[in-house]
Amino acid sequence: MAMRVAKAVAAWLTIALTVVGVPMVLALVWRLEPQIDWSEDGLRAALSTLGDGRLVLALFRVAAWGVWWLLVFLLVFEAIAAWRHARAPRMTGLGWLQSFARALVGAAVAVFMTT
């Protein structure tokens, strides 16, 4: 039982850090790097010059936010399925990320299901 509680606590901490900590880090990184002008002229200028890598960093930041939103969506999706005592439908193309979310939610609620 102690191992199950330790896994549940670790899962809850991981979920909290994912939902709260990652956006804080991404927001901090977003402010540290030079900003890109996302208008048509700004993008044309960024793509037509050799540049200093700001466009690539900006695209990585946008991708990181997208992956974070997707993970939070999957965590909520799996939590609702666990609350309903059902298995969430498998989403095509998101197998490894959905499996990670399912494992986190499963470990987090395992203590409550056995008490």
N, C-alpha and C. Protein backbone atom coordinates (compact mmCIF):
# COMPACT_ATOMS: atom_id res chain seq x y z
N MET A 1 0.83 -1.20 0.00
CA MET A 1 0.00 0.00 0.00
C MET A 1 0.86 1.25 0.00
N ALA A 2 1.99 1.20 0.71
CA ALA A 2 2.85 2.38 0.77
C ALA A 2 3.43 2.72 -0.59
N MET A 3 3.77 1.69 -1.36
CA MET A 3 4.30 1.93 -2.70
C MET A 3 3.25 2.55 -3.61
N ARG A 4 2.01 2.10 -3.47
CA ARG A 4 0.91 2.66 -4.27
C ARG A 4 0.69 4.13 -3.92
N VAL A 5 0.77 4.45 -2.64
CA VAL A 5 0.61 5.85 -2.22
C VAL A 5 1.77 6.70 -2.75
N ALA A 6 2.98 6.16 -2.71
CA ALA A 6 4.14 6.90 -3.22
C ALA A 6 3.99 7.15 -4.72
N LYS A 7 3.52 6.15 -5.46
CA LYS A 7 3.30 6.34 -6.89
C LYS A 7 2.21 7.37 -7.16
N ALA A 8 1.17 7.35 -6.34
CA ALA A 8 0.08 8.32 -6.51
C ALA A 8 0.57 9.73 -6.24
N VAL A 9 1.36 9.91 -5.19
CA VAL A 9 1.91 11.23 -4.87
C VAL A 9 2.82 11.71 -5.99
N ALA A 10 3.66 10.82 -6.50
CA ALA A 10 4.55 11.18 -7.61
C ALA A 10 3.75 11.54 -8.85
N ALA A 11 2.67 10.81 -9.11
CA ALA A 11 1.82 11.12 -10.26
C ALA A 11 1.14 12.47 -10.10
N TRP A 12 0.63 12.76 -8.90
CA TRP A 12 -0.02 14.05 -8.66
C TRP A 12 0.98 15.19 -8.82
N LEU A 13 2.21 15.00 -8.32
CA LEU A 13 3.23 16.04 -8.48
C LEU A 13 3.59 16.25 -9.95
N THR A 14 3.69 15.16 -10.69
CA THR A 14 4.00 15.26 -12.11
C THR A 14 2.88 15.97 -12.86
N ILE A 15 1.64 15.65 -12.54
CA ILE A 15 0.52 16.33 -13.18
C ILE A 15 0.52 17.81 -12.83
N ALA A 16 0.76 18.14 -11.57
CA ALA A 16 0.78 19.54 -11.16
C ALA A 16 1.91 20.30 -11.85
N LEU A 17 3.08 19.69 -11.91
CA LEU A 17 4.20 20.35 -12.59
C LEU A 17 3.93 20.51 -14.09
N THR A 18 3.26 19.54 -14.68
CA THR A 18 2.94 19.62 -16.10
C THR A 18 1.92 20.71 -16.36
N VAL A 19 0.88 20.76 -15.55
CA VAL A 19 -0.20 21.70 -15.80
C VAL A 19 0.18 23.12 -15.39
N VAL A 20 0.95 23.27 -14.32
CA VAL A 20 1.28 24.62 -13.81
C VAL A 20 2.71 25.02 -14.14
N GLY A 21 3.65 24.13 -13.95
CA GLY A 21 5.07 24.48 -14.09
C GLY A 21 5.51 24.71 -15.52
N VAL A 22 5.05 23.87 -16.43
CA VAL A 22 5.48 24.00 -17.83
C VAL A 22 5.06 25.34 -18.43
N PRO A 23 3.81 25.80 -18.24
CA PRO A 23 3.47 27.11 -18.80
C PRO A 23 4.27 28.25 -18.19
N MET A 24 4.62 28.11 -16.91
CA MET A 24 5.43 29.16 -16.30
C MET A 24 6.81 29.22 -16.95
N VAL A 25 7.41 28.07 -17.19
CA VAL A 25 8.72 28.02 -17.85
C VAL A 25 8.61 28.53 -19.28
N LEU A 26 7.57 28.11 -20.00
CA LEU A 26 7.40 28.56 -21.37
C LEU A 26 7.17 30.07 -21.44
N ALA A 27 6.40 30.61 -20.50
CA ALA A 27 6.18 32.06 -20.48
C ALA A 27 7.48 32.79 -20.18
N LEU A 28 8.29 32.25 -19.28
CA LEU A 28 9.57 32.87 -18.97
C LEU A 28 10.49 32.86 -20.18
N VAL A 29 10.56 31.72 -20.87
CA VAL A 29 11.41 31.63 -22.05
C VAL A 29 10.89 32.55 -23.15
N TRP A 30 9.57 32.65 -23.26
CA TRP A 30 8.98 33.50 -24.28
C TRP A 30 9.41 34.96 -24.08
N ARG A 31 9.49 35.40 -22.83
CA ARG A 31 9.88 36.79 -22.55
C ARG A 31 11.37 37.02 -22.72
N LEU A 32 12.20 35.99 -22.53
CA LEU A 32 13.64 36.17 -22.61
C LEU A 32 14.14 36.33 -24.04
N GLU A 33 13.53 35.62 -24.98
CA GLU A 33 13.99 35.64 -26.36
C GLU A 33 13.42 36.85 -27.10
N PRO A 34 14.16 37.35 -28.09
CA PRO A 34 13.62 38.44 -28.90
C PRO A 34 12.35 37.99 -29.62
N GLN A 35 11.41 38.89 -29.72
CA GLN A 35 10.13 38.55 -30.32
C GLN A 35 10.16 38.63 -31.83
N ILE A 36 9.29 37.88 -32.46
CA ILE A 36 9.14 37.87 -33.91
C ILE A 36 7.91 38.70 -34.25
N ASP A 37 8.02 39.49 -35.29
CA ASP A 37 6.86 40.21 -35.79
C ASP A 37 6.06 39.22 -36.64
N TRP A 38 4.90 38.80 -36.16
CA TRP A 38 4.13 37.75 -36.83
C TRP A 38 3.26 38.28 -37.95
N SER A 39 3.41 39.56 -38.30
CA SER A 39 2.66 40.08 -39.45
C SER A 39 3.26 39.52 -40.74
N GLU A 40 2.57 39.74 -41.84
CA GLU A 40 3.06 39.23 -43.12
C GLU A 40 4.42 39.83 -43.48
N ASP A 41 4.59 41.13 -43.26
CA ASP A 41 5.88 41.77 -43.56
C ASP A 41 6.98 41.27 -42.64
N GLY A 42 6.66 41.08 -41.37
CA GLY A 42 7.66 40.59 -40.43
C GLY A 42 8.12 39.18 -40.75
N LEU A 43 7.18 38.32 -41.11
CA LEU A 43 7.55 36.95 -41.48
C LEU A 43 8.35 36.93 -42.79
N ARG A 44 7.94 37.77 -43.74
CA ARG A 44 8.68 37.83 -45.00
C ARG A 44 10.12 38.28 -44.74
N ALA A 45 10.30 39.27 -43.88
CA ALA A 45 11.65 39.75 -43.56
C ALA A 45 12.46 38.67 -42.82
N ALA A 46 11.81 37.95 -41.93
CA ALA A 46 12.52 36.90 -41.18
C ALA A 46 12.92 35.75 -42.09
N LEU A 47 12.09 35.43 -43.07
CA LEU A 47 12.40 34.32 -43.96
C LEU A 47 13.38 34.70 -45.07
N SER A 48 13.47 35.99 -45.40
CA SER A 48 14.33 36.40 -46.52
C SER A 48 15.75 36.74 -46.09
N THR A 49 16.00 36.88 -44.81
CA THR A 49 17.34 37.19 -44.35
C THR A 49 17.95 35.96 -43.69
N LEU A 50 19.26 35.98 -43.53
CA LEU A 50 19.94 34.87 -42.86
C LEU A 50 19.48 34.76 -41.41
N GLY A 51 19.30 35.87 -40.77
CA GLY A 51 18.76 35.89 -39.43
C GLY A 51 19.70 35.36 -38.37
N ASP A 52 19.20 35.37 -37.15
CA ASP A 52 19.99 34.93 -36.00
C ASP A 52 19.33 33.75 -35.28
N GLY A 53 18.39 33.10 -35.94
CA GLY A 53 17.74 31.94 -35.34
C GLY A 53 16.49 32.26 -34.55
N ARG A 54 16.07 33.50 -34.56
CA ARG A 54 14.88 33.87 -33.79
C ARG A 54 13.63 33.17 -34.32
N LEU A 55 13.55 33.02 -35.65
CA LEU A 55 12.37 32.38 -36.23
C LEU A 55 12.29 30.91 -35.81
N VAL A 56 13.41 30.22 -35.83
CA VAL A 56 13.43 28.81 -35.42
C VAL A 56 13.06 28.69 -33.94
N LEU A 57 13.61 29.56 -33.10
CA LEU A 57 13.26 29.53 -31.68
C LEU A 57 11.78 29.82 -31.46
N ALA A 58 11.26 30.76 -32.23
CA ALA A 58 9.84 31.09 -32.11
C ALA A 58 8.98 29.90 -32.53
N LEU A 59 9.36 29.20 -33.58
CA LEU A 59 8.60 28.02 -34.01
C LEU A 59 8.69 26.90 -32.98
N PHE A 60 9.85 26.74 -32.34
CA PHE A 60 9.98 25.75 -31.27
C PHE A 60 9.08 26.10 -30.09
N ARG A 61 9.02 27.38 -29.76
CA ARG A 61 8.15 27.80 -28.65
C ARG A 61 6.69 27.53 -28.96
N VAL A 62 6.28 27.84 -30.19
CA VAL A 62 4.88 27.59 -30.58
C VAL A 62 4.59 26.08 -30.53
N ALA A 63 5.52 25.27 -31.00
CA ALA A 63 5.34 23.82 -30.96
C ALA A 63 5.28 23.32 -29.51
N ALA A 64 6.11 23.89 -28.63
CA ALA A 64 6.10 23.48 -27.22
C ALA A 64 4.76 23.79 -26.58
N TRP A 65 4.20 24.97 -26.86
CA TRP A 65 2.88 25.31 -26.34
C TRP A 65 1.83 24.35 -26.88
N GLY A 66 1.94 23.99 -28.14
CA GLY A 66 0.98 23.06 -28.73
C GLY A 66 1.03 21.69 -28.07
N VAL A 67 2.22 21.19 -27.82
CA VAL A 67 2.36 19.89 -27.16
C VAL A 67 1.84 19.97 -25.73
N TRP A 68 2.10 21.09 -25.06
CA TRP A 68 1.58 21.24 -23.69
C TRP A 68 0.06 21.23 -23.68
N TRP A 69 -0.57 21.97 -24.59
CA TRP A 69 -2.04 21.99 -24.66
C TRP A 69 -2.58 20.60 -24.95
N LEU A 70 -1.91 19.89 -25.84
CA LEU A 70 -2.34 18.54 -26.18
C LEU A 70 -2.24 17.61 -24.97
N LEU A 71 -1.16 17.71 -24.22
CA LEU A 71 -0.99 16.87 -23.03
C LEU A 71 -2.04 17.20 -21.97
N VAL A 72 -2.32 18.47 -21.76
CA VAL A 72 -3.35 18.85 -20.78
C VAL A 72 -4.72 18.33 -21.23
N PHE A 73 -5.01 18.45 -22.53
CA PHE A 73 -6.26 17.91 -23.05
C PHE A 73 -6.36 16.41 -22.79
N LEU A 74 -5.26 15.68 -23.06
CA LEU A 74 -5.28 14.23 -22.84
C LEU A 74 -5.39 13.88 -21.36
N LEU A 75 -4.77 14.67 -20.49
CA LEU A 75 -4.91 14.42 -19.04
C LEU A 75 -6.35 14.59 -18.61
N VAL A 76 -7.01 15.63 -19.08
CA VAL A 76 -8.42 15.85 -18.74
C VAL A 76 -9.27 14.73 -19.34
N PHE A 77 -9.00 14.36 -20.58
CA PHE A 77 -9.71 13.30 -21.28
C PHE A 77 -9.61 11.99 -20.50
N GLU A 78 -8.41 11.64 -20.07
CA GLU A 78 -8.21 10.40 -19.31
C GLU A 78 -8.81 10.50 -17.92
N ALA A 79 -8.77 11.67 -17.30
CA ALA A 79 -9.36 11.83 -15.97
C ALA A 79 -10.88 11.67 -16.03
N ILE A 80 -11.50 12.21 -17.06
CA ILE A 80 -12.95 12.03 -17.21
C ILE A 80 -13.28 10.56 -17.41
N ALA A 81 -12.48 9.88 -18.22
CA ALA A 81 -12.71 8.44 -18.44
C ALA A 81 -12.54 7.67 -17.14
N ALA A 82 -11.53 8.01 -16.35
CA ALA A 82 -11.32 7.32 -15.08
C ALA A 82 -12.46 7.60 -14.10
N TRP A 83 -12.96 8.82 -14.10
CA TRP A 83 -14.06 9.19 -13.23
C TRP A 83 -15.32 8.41 -13.59
N ARG A 84 -15.49 8.15 -14.89
CA ARG A 84 -16.66 7.41 -15.36
C ARG A 84 -16.43 5.89 -15.31
N HIS A 85 -15.26 5.47 -14.83
CA HIS A 85 -14.89 4.05 -14.77
C HIS A 85 -14.95 3.41 -16.15
N ALA A 86 -14.44 4.12 -17.13
CA ALA A 86 -14.42 3.63 -18.51
C ALA A 86 -13.03 3.85 -19.08
N ARG A 87 -12.74 3.17 -20.15
CA ARG A 87 -11.46 3.38 -20.84
C ARG A 87 -11.67 4.42 -21.93
N ALA A 88 -10.78 5.40 -21.96
CA ALA A 88 -10.90 6.46 -22.95
C ALA A 88 -10.63 5.90 -24.34
N PRO A 89 -11.36 6.37 -25.33
CA PRO A 89 -11.10 5.91 -26.70
C PRO A 89 -9.68 6.28 -27.13
N ARG A 90 -9.09 5.42 -27.92
CA ARG A 90 -7.73 5.66 -28.39
C ARG A 90 -7.77 6.69 -29.51
N MET A 91 -6.91 7.70 -29.39
CA MET A 91 -6.84 8.75 -30.40
C MET A 91 -5.72 8.42 -31.38
N THR A 92 -6.05 8.41 -32.64
CA THR A 92 -5.08 8.06 -33.67
C THR A 92 -3.95 9.07 -33.71
N GLY A 93 -2.73 8.58 -33.73
CA GLY A 93 -1.55 9.44 -33.82
C GLY A 93 -1.04 9.96 -32.50
N LEU A 94 -1.75 9.71 -31.42
CA LEU A 94 -1.34 10.22 -30.11
C LEU A 94 -1.05 9.08 -29.14
N GLY A 95 -0.66 7.94 -29.66
CA GLY A 95 -0.51 6.75 -28.84
C GLY A 95 0.42 6.91 -27.66
N TRP A 96 1.65 7.36 -27.89
CA TRP A 96 2.62 7.44 -26.80
C TRP A 96 2.23 8.53 -25.80
N LEU A 97 1.70 9.65 -26.28
CA LEU A 97 1.32 10.73 -25.36
C LEU A 97 0.08 10.36 -24.58
N GLN A 98 -0.86 9.69 -25.23
CA GLN A 98 -2.06 9.25 -24.52
C GLN A 98 -1.72 8.16 -23.51
N SER A 99 -0.79 7.28 -23.84
CA SER A 99 -0.37 6.25 -22.89
C SER A 99 0.28 6.89 -21.66
N PHE A 100 1.08 7.94 -21.87
CA PHE A 100 1.70 8.65 -20.75
C PHE A 100 0.62 9.29 -19.87
N ALA A 101 -0.36 9.95 -20.50
CA ALA A 101 -1.45 10.58 -19.73
C ALA A 101 -2.26 9.53 -18.99
N ARG A 102 -2.54 8.40 -19.64
CA ARG A 102 -3.30 7.33 -19.01
C ARG A 102 -2.56 6.77 -17.80
N ALA A 103 -1.24 6.60 -17.92
CA ALA A 103 -0.46 6.07 -16.80
C ALA A 103 -0.44 7.05 -15.64
N LEU A 104 -0.29 8.34 -15.93
CA LEU A 104 -0.29 9.34 -14.85
C LEU A 104 -1.63 9.39 -14.13
N VAL A 105 -2.70 9.46 -14.88
CA VAL A 105 -4.03 9.53 -14.26
C VAL A 105 -4.33 8.23 -13.53
N GLY A 106 -3.96 7.11 -14.11
CA GLY A 106 -4.19 5.83 -13.45
C GLY A 106 -3.46 5.72 -12.13
N ALA A 107 -2.22 6.16 -12.10
CA ALA A 107 -1.46 6.12 -10.85
C ALA A 107 -2.01 7.10 -9.83
N ALA A 108 -2.50 8.25 -10.31
CA ALA A 108 -3.02 9.27 -9.39
C ALA A 108 -4.32 8.83 -8.73
N VAL A 109 -5.16 8.13 -9.46
CA VAL A 109 -6.45 7.73 -8.88
C VAL A 109 -6.44 6.32 -8.30
N ALA A 110 -5.33 5.62 -8.42
CA ALA A 110 -5.29 4.23 -7.93
C ALA A 110 -5.53 4.15 -6.43
N VAL A 111 -5.05 5.11 -5.67
CA VAL A 111 -5.22 5.08 -4.23
C VAL A 111 -6.69 5.25 -3.86
N PHE A 112 -7.39 6.11 -4.60
CA PHE A 112 -8.79 6.35 -4.27
C PHE A 112 -9.70 5.19 -4.66
N MET A 113 -9.27 4.41 -5.65
CA MET A 113 -10.09 3.30 -6.10
C MET A 113 -9.99 2.09 -5.17
N THR A 114 -8.93 2.02 -4.39
CA THR A 114 -8.75 0.87 -3.51
C THR A 114 -9.19 1.13 -2.08
N THR A 115 -9.53 2.36 -1.76
CA THR A 115 -9.94 2.67 -0.38
C THR A 115 -11.43 2.64 -0.24
